[in-house]
Amino acid sequence: MTGLIAVDAGQSGIRLRCIDSAVVAEAATAGVITAQPLMPQLAAAVTDFVQAHGLRPTAVGVGSSGLTTPEAGELLGLLSGLGVRKVAVAHDATTSFLGALGDHPGAVIAAGTGVVTLAVGASEIARVDGWGYLLGDAGSGYWIGRAGLNAAMRYYDGRGQATDLLDRLQAEFDHPETAYIELQSDPRWVSRVAAFSLRVDQAAAEGDAVAGQILAEAAAELSDSVITGLRRVGLMGEQPPAVCALGKVFDSPRIRNRFVAYLRLHWSGLELTPPAGTSLDGAALAASLTPDSPLLKLVAVAER
């Protein structure tokens, strides 16, 4: 089958979809490792998908975390043996926005293992955070997971408050004193740290004060990113802007409700805008943007 392959690549997983007149195939695989070159990883995922389903794609649209300079030409070259004629590559902040709000003004925040916010005004575009686990990603799954692990170890040492997070750490690792060695030797340690955010949320749901404070601080960081983006693109007027919150971090009602409460300090009537689609839908749209789209400047395109 021919058609467009859309790729949504995050650190926790890669989703792929082939679209002709309708969806003809879908798959999921392991996430990208952002410390390693991304284009070969993306090419391998697409190639495996194509071969597994007997596809003959003519175009590929990609949204990926970890991108600095999207190398559409490199990816097109790596996929040359598949008959691909066009490749569009963008940061997953762009494809998340496209999937959620299309070409309409507003802000989209996507919080999973990492976090990034994209705000679009009448003519301005602002990206906030998405700077990776070493320099940013404030409020992300990794940020929450690391804070939870740190709180557990502080309690273990006697430096911090009592918290059930230590018991949850001990359920994950052989021993608290060797946990850091286990993580350092795991090539997917970033995803593993991020996964601990689920245990932090569970502890908060059961009344753990330390875990609850971590989630409150995460919600504050996430709302600050959205406010910053909206301010930079001139959307801080009286009318509530469109704000869409995506990603597994917002599956937590404790984070989601606190996040909305912080935004309502600026707009009392603000309600989160339901996404029109997913970041995978946005990856498909990235390959078909019109020349007048303000988001086109954020998409690298290569054709043969």
Protein backbone atom coordinates (compact mmCIF):
# COMPACT_ATOMS: atom_id res chain seq x y z
CA MET A 1 0.00 0.00 0.00
CA THR A 2 1.15 3.55 -0.72
CA GLY A 3 0.55 6.65 1.37
CA LEU A 4 1.93 8.89 4.09
CA ILE A 5 3.67 7.59 7.18
CA ALA A 6 3.25 9.74 10.28
CA VAL A 7 5.76 9.28 13.11
CA ASP A 8 5.44 10.55 16.67
CA ALA A 9 8.76 9.89 18.41
CA GLY A 10 9.23 10.42 22.12
CA GLN A 11 11.69 9.13 24.68
CA SER A 12 9.16 6.65 26.06
CA GLY A 13 7.94 5.31 22.73
CA ILE A 14 7.52 5.81 18.97
CA ARG A 15 4.11 5.61 17.29
CA LEU A 16 3.75 5.12 13.56
CA ARG A 17 0.74 5.28 11.28
CA CYS A 18 0.32 4.80 7.54
CA ILE A 19 -2.45 6.86 5.97
CA ASP A 20 -3.80 6.51 2.45
CA SER A 21 -7.45 7.45 2.07
CA ALA A 22 -7.79 6.04 5.59
CA VAL A 23 -5.54 4.59 8.28
CA VAL A 24 -4.12 1.37 6.88
CA ALA A 25 -1.57 0.37 9.53
CA GLU A 26 -0.36 1.42 12.98
CA ALA A 27 2.46 0.31 15.26
CA ALA A 28 4.43 1.28 18.34
CA THR A 29 8.04 0.64 19.28
CA ALA A 30 10.72 1.69 21.76
CA GLY A 31 11.40 5.40 22.16
CA VAL A 32 14.29 7.44 20.83
CA ILE A 33 17.46 7.93 22.83
CA THR A 34 18.06 11.67 22.53
CA ALA A 35 21.74 11.40 23.48
CA GLN A 36 22.33 9.48 20.24
CA PRO A 37 21.83 10.61 16.60
CA LEU A 38 18.10 10.74 15.93
CA MET A 39 17.78 10.35 12.17
CA PRO A 40 19.17 6.77 12.07
CA GLN A 41 16.82 5.80 14.92
CA LEU A 42 13.84 7.29 13.10
CA ALA A 43 14.86 5.69 9.82
CA ALA A 44 15.15 2.28 11.51
CA ALA A 45 11.68 2.61 13.05
CA VAL A 46 10.12 3.61 9.71
CA THR A 47 11.95 0.86 7.82
CA ASP A 48 10.83 -1.83 10.28
CA PHE A 49 7.25 -0.54 10.05
CA VAL A 50 7.27 -0.51 6.25
CA GLN A 51 8.71 -4.01 6.00
CA ALA A 52 6.37 -5.46 8.63
CA HIS A 53 3.25 -4.20 6.84
CA GLY A 54 4.31 -4.36 3.19
CA LEU A 55 3.96 -0.60 2.67
CA ARG A 56 5.19 1.64 -0.16
CA PRO A 57 5.12 5.15 1.34
CA THR A 58 5.65 8.25 -0.75
CA ALA A 59 5.94 10.73 2.14
CA VAL A 60 6.92 10.72 5.82
CA GLY A 61 5.96 13.30 8.45
CA VAL A 62 7.89 13.20 11.73
CA GLY A 63 7.53 14.89 15.08
CA SER A 64 10.30 14.00 17.50
CA SER A 65 11.60 15.03 20.88
CA GLY A 66 15.30 15.83 21.15
CA LEU A 67 15.54 17.69 17.83
CA THR A 68 17.80 20.71 17.58
CA THR A 69 18.26 21.06 13.82
CA PRO A 70 15.81 18.79 11.99
CA GLU A 71 17.79 17.02 9.24
CA ALA A 72 15.07 16.25 6.73
CA GLY A 73 17.60 15.69 3.96
CA GLU A 74 19.50 13.13 6.01
CA LEU A 75 16.33 11.23 6.83
CA LEU A 76 15.21 11.30 3.19
CA GLY A 77 18.56 9.79 2.22
CA LEU A 78 18.27 7.06 4.83
CA LEU A 79 14.81 6.19 3.51
CA SER A 80 15.72 6.35 -0.18
CA GLY A 81 15.46 2.58 -0.59
CA LEU A 82 11.79 2.67 0.41
CA GLY A 83 10.68 4.95 -2.41
CA VAL A 84 9.95 7.92 -0.14
CA ARG A 85 9.77 11.18 -2.13
CA LYS A 86 9.14 13.71 0.63
CA VAL A 87 10.11 14.03 4.28
CA ALA A 88 8.93 16.66 6.77
CA VAL A 89 10.61 16.77 10.18
CA ALA A 90 9.71 18.93 13.17
CA HIS A 91 10.16 19.06 16.92
CA ASP A 92 7.31 17.29 18.67
CA ALA A 93 6.21 20.63 20.12
CA THR A 94 5.23 21.65 16.59
CA THR A 95 3.40 18.43 15.76
CA SER A 96 1.67 18.44 19.14
CA PHE A 97 0.39 21.94 18.41
CA LEU A 98 -0.74 21.02 14.90
CA GLY A 99 -2.56 17.96 16.13
CA ALA A 100 -4.28 19.79 18.97
CA LEU A 101 -5.11 23.27 17.63
CA GLY A 102 -4.22 23.22 13.94
CA ASP A 103 -3.29 26.71 12.71
CA HIS A 104 -5.27 28.55 15.38
CA PRO A 105 -3.74 30.84 18.06
CA GLY A 106 -3.19 29.49 21.54
CA ALA A 107 -0.78 27.36 23.53
CA VAL A 108 -0.17 23.64 23.63
CA ILE A 109 1.87 22.03 26.39
CA ALA A 110 2.94 18.41 25.99
CA ALA A 111 4.24 16.78 29.15
CA GLY A 112 5.46 13.21 29.10
CA THR A 113 9.00 12.08 29.87
CA GLY A 114 10.00 15.62 28.89
CA VAL A 115 7.89 18.73 28.45
CA VAL A 116 7.65 21.51 25.89
CA THR A 117 5.22 24.35 25.30
CA LEU A 118 4.47 26.04 21.99
CA ALA A 119 2.46 29.25 21.83
CA VAL A 120 1.24 30.80 18.58
CA GLY A 121 -0.19 34.31 18.25
CA ALA A 122 -1.27 36.36 15.26
CA SER A 123 2.26 36.43 13.88
CA GLU A 124 4.59 35.35 16.70
CA ILE A 125 5.63 31.87 17.77
CA ALA A 126 7.25 31.04 21.11
CA ARG A 127 8.72 27.80 22.33
CA VAL A 128 9.18 27.42 26.08
CA ASP A 129 11.33 24.69 27.66
CA GLY A 130 11.83 21.34 26.04
CA TRP A 131 15.51 21.72 26.88
CA GLY A 132 16.01 18.15 28.05
CA TYR A 133 16.45 16.51 31.41
CA LEU A 134 19.83 18.16 32.10
CA LEU A 135 18.81 21.78 31.48
CA GLY A 136 15.03 21.95 31.66
CA ASP A 137 11.87 19.87 31.22
CA ALA A 138 10.46 21.44 34.39
CA GLY A 139 7.35 19.64 35.60
CA SER A 140 7.85 16.67 33.25
CA GLY A 141 7.60 12.99 34.10
CA TYR A 142 11.38 12.86 34.43
CA TRP A 143 11.37 15.97 36.65
CA ILE A 144 8.69 14.46 38.90
CA GLY A 145 10.34 11.04 38.97
CA ARG A 146 13.74 12.42 39.85
CA ALA A 147 12.26 14.63 42.57
CA GLY A 148 10.50 11.57 43.99
CA LEU A 149 13.66 9.46 43.97
CA ASN A 150 15.61 12.30 45.54
CA ALA A 151 13.00 12.70 48.29
CA ALA A 152 13.14 8.97 48.98
CA MET A 153 16.92 8.98 49.29
CA ARG A 154 16.88 12.06 51.50
CA TYR A 155 14.53 10.24 53.87
CA TYR A 156 16.74 7.15 53.70
CA ASP A 157 19.74 9.28 54.74
CA GLY A 158 17.83 11.07 57.47
CA ARG A 159 18.08 14.42 55.67
CA GLY A 160 14.46 14.69 54.58
CA GLN A 161 10.87 14.29 55.64
CA ALA A 162 9.30 10.90 56.15
CA THR A 163 7.70 9.69 52.93
CA ASP A 164 6.21 6.52 51.50
CA LEU A 165 8.33 7.17 48.42
CA LEU A 166 11.16 5.22 50.04
CA ASP A 167 9.00 2.09 50.13
CA ARG A 168 8.12 2.64 46.49
CA LEU A 169 11.78 3.07 45.57
CA GLN A 170 12.57 -0.20 47.35
CA ALA A 171 9.88 -1.92 45.29
CA GLU A 172 11.68 -0.78 42.11
CA PHE A 173 15.31 -1.43 43.01
CA ASP A 174 17.33 -4.14 44.76
CA HIS A 175 18.48 -1.76 47.50
CA PRO A 176 18.39 2.04 48.00
CA GLU A 177 22.19 2.22 48.13
CA THR A 178 22.59 0.53 44.75
CA ALA A 179 19.68 2.22 42.99
CA TYR A 180 21.89 4.84 41.36
CA ILE A 181 24.17 2.14 39.95
CA GLU A 182 21.18 0.31 38.49
CA LEU A 183 20.03 3.51 36.82
CA GLN A 184 23.44 4.48 35.47
CA SER A 185 23.87 1.05 33.87
CA ASP A 186 20.43 1.12 32.21
CA PRO A 187 20.58 2.63 28.68
CA ARG A 188 16.98 3.79 29.13
CA TRP A 189 17.51 5.28 32.55
CA VAL A 190 15.77 8.55 31.61
CA SER A 191 12.55 6.69 30.84
CA ARG A 192 12.98 4.62 34.00
CA VAL A 193 13.30 7.74 36.15
CA ALA A 194 10.25 9.23 34.42
CA ALA A 195 8.26 6.07 35.12
CA PHE A 196 8.77 6.66 38.85
CA SER A 197 6.51 9.71 38.47
CA LEU A 198 3.58 7.27 38.49
CA ARG A 199 4.62 6.10 41.95
CA VAL A 200 4.89 9.71 43.08
CA ASP A 201 1.34 10.32 41.88
CA GLN A 202 0.11 7.17 43.62
CA ALA A 203 1.74 8.24 46.87
CA ALA A 204 0.17 11.70 46.60
CA ALA A 205 -3.25 10.14 45.97
CA GLU A 206 -2.82 8.19 49.21
CA GLY A 207 -2.02 11.33 51.18
CA ASP A 208 1.78 11.44 51.18
CA ALA A 209 2.65 15.08 51.87
CA VAL A 210 6.09 14.97 50.24
CA ALA A 211 4.70 13.49 47.03
CA GLY A 212 1.85 15.99 47.05
CA GLN A 213 4.29 18.88 47.29
CA ILE A 214 6.29 17.53 44.35
CA LEU A 215 3.14 17.44 42.21
CA ALA A 216 2.14 20.95 43.29
CA GLU A 217 5.55 22.26 42.25
CA ALA A 218 5.31 20.40 38.94
CA ALA A 219 1.92 21.99 38.20
CA ALA A 220 3.38 25.42 39.00
CA GLU A 221 6.28 24.85 36.59
CA LEU A 222 3.94 23.68 33.83
CA SER A 223 1.57 26.63 34.22
CA ASP A 224 4.50 29.05 34.27
CA SER A 225 5.69 27.70 30.92
CA VAL A 226 2.25 28.25 29.38
CA ILE A 227 1.91 31.77 30.80
CA THR A 228 5.39 32.64 29.54
CA GLY A 229 4.59 31.43 26.04
CA LEU A 230 1.27 33.27 25.88
CA ARG A 231 2.89 36.48 27.09
CA ARG A 232 5.60 36.27 24.44
CA VAL A 233 3.06 35.97 21.60
CA GLY A 234 0.70 38.67 22.86
CA LEU A 235 -2.16 36.51 24.14
CA MET A 236 -2.44 37.86 27.68
CA GLY A 237 -5.64 39.84 27.03
CA GLU A 238 -8.88 39.64 28.98
CA GLN A 239 -10.33 36.79 26.94
CA PRO A 240 -9.05 33.34 27.93
CA PRO A 241 -6.79 31.92 25.22
CA ALA A 242 -7.01 28.39 23.89
CA VAL A 243 -4.81 26.19 26.06
CA CYS A 244 -4.43 22.49 25.41
CA ALA A 245 -2.63 20.17 27.84
CA LEU A 246 -1.31 16.91 26.41
CA GLY A 247 0.71 13.97 27.66
CA LYS A 248 0.66 11.37 30.39
CA VAL A 249 1.65 13.84 33.11
CA PHE A 250 -1.78 15.44 32.77
CA ASP A 251 -3.46 12.08 33.33
CA SER A 252 -2.95 12.85 37.01
CA PRO A 253 -5.99 14.78 38.28
CA ARG A 254 -3.79 16.23 41.02
CA ILE A 255 -1.50 17.86 38.47
CA ARG A 256 -4.21 18.74 35.96
CA ASN A 257 -6.50 20.40 38.52
CA ARG A 258 -3.69 22.40 40.12
CA PHE A 259 -2.39 23.41 36.67
CA VAL A 260 -5.82 24.78 35.71
CA ALA A 261 -6.15 26.54 39.07
CA TYR A 262 -2.89 28.39 38.46
CA LEU A 263 -4.03 29.49 34.98
CA ARG A 264 -7.33 30.72 36.42
CA LEU A 265 -5.41 33.21 38.52
CA HIS A 266 -5.04 35.04 35.19
CA TRP A 267 -8.34 34.08 33.50
CA SER A 268 -11.07 33.06 35.92
CA GLY A 269 -13.19 31.51 33.18
CA LEU A 270 -10.46 29.50 31.49
CA GLU A 271 -11.27 25.93 30.49
CA LEU A 272 -8.76 23.66 28.83
CA THR A 273 -9.40 23.19 25.11
CA PRO A 274 -9.87 19.54 24.13
CA PRO A 275 -7.35 18.53 21.45
CA ALA A 276 -8.74 18.13 17.95
CA GLY A 277 -6.28 15.29 17.39
CA THR A 278 -3.01 13.82 18.58
CA SER A 279 0.64 14.57 17.94
CA LEU A 280 0.54 11.68 15.47
CA ASP A 281 -2.17 13.57 13.56
CA GLY A 282 0.09 16.62 13.76
CA ALA A 283 2.99 14.69 12.26
CA ALA A 284 0.78 13.89 9.28
CA LEU A 285 -0.21 17.57 8.96
CA ALA A 286 3.44 18.65 9.06
CA ALA A 287 3.94 17.03 5.67
CA SER A 288 1.10 19.02 4.09
CA LEU A 289 1.32 22.56 5.51
CA THR A 290 0.43 25.39 3.14
CA PRO A 291 3.01 28.11 2.38
CA ASP A 292 1.07 30.70 4.42
CA SER A 293 1.11 28.65 7.63
CA PRO A 294 3.08 30.40 10.42
CA LEU A 295 4.21 26.98 11.63
CA LEU A 296 5.89 26.11 8.34
CA LYS A 297 9.03 27.92 9.50
CA LEU A 298 9.38 25.25 12.22
CA VAL A 299 9.24 22.31 9.79
CA ALA A 300 12.21 21.07 7.76
CA VAL A 301 11.18 19.63 4.39
CA ALA A 302 13.20 17.63 1.87
CA GLU A 303 11.95 16.31 -1.47
CA ARG A 304 13.36 14.35 -4.36
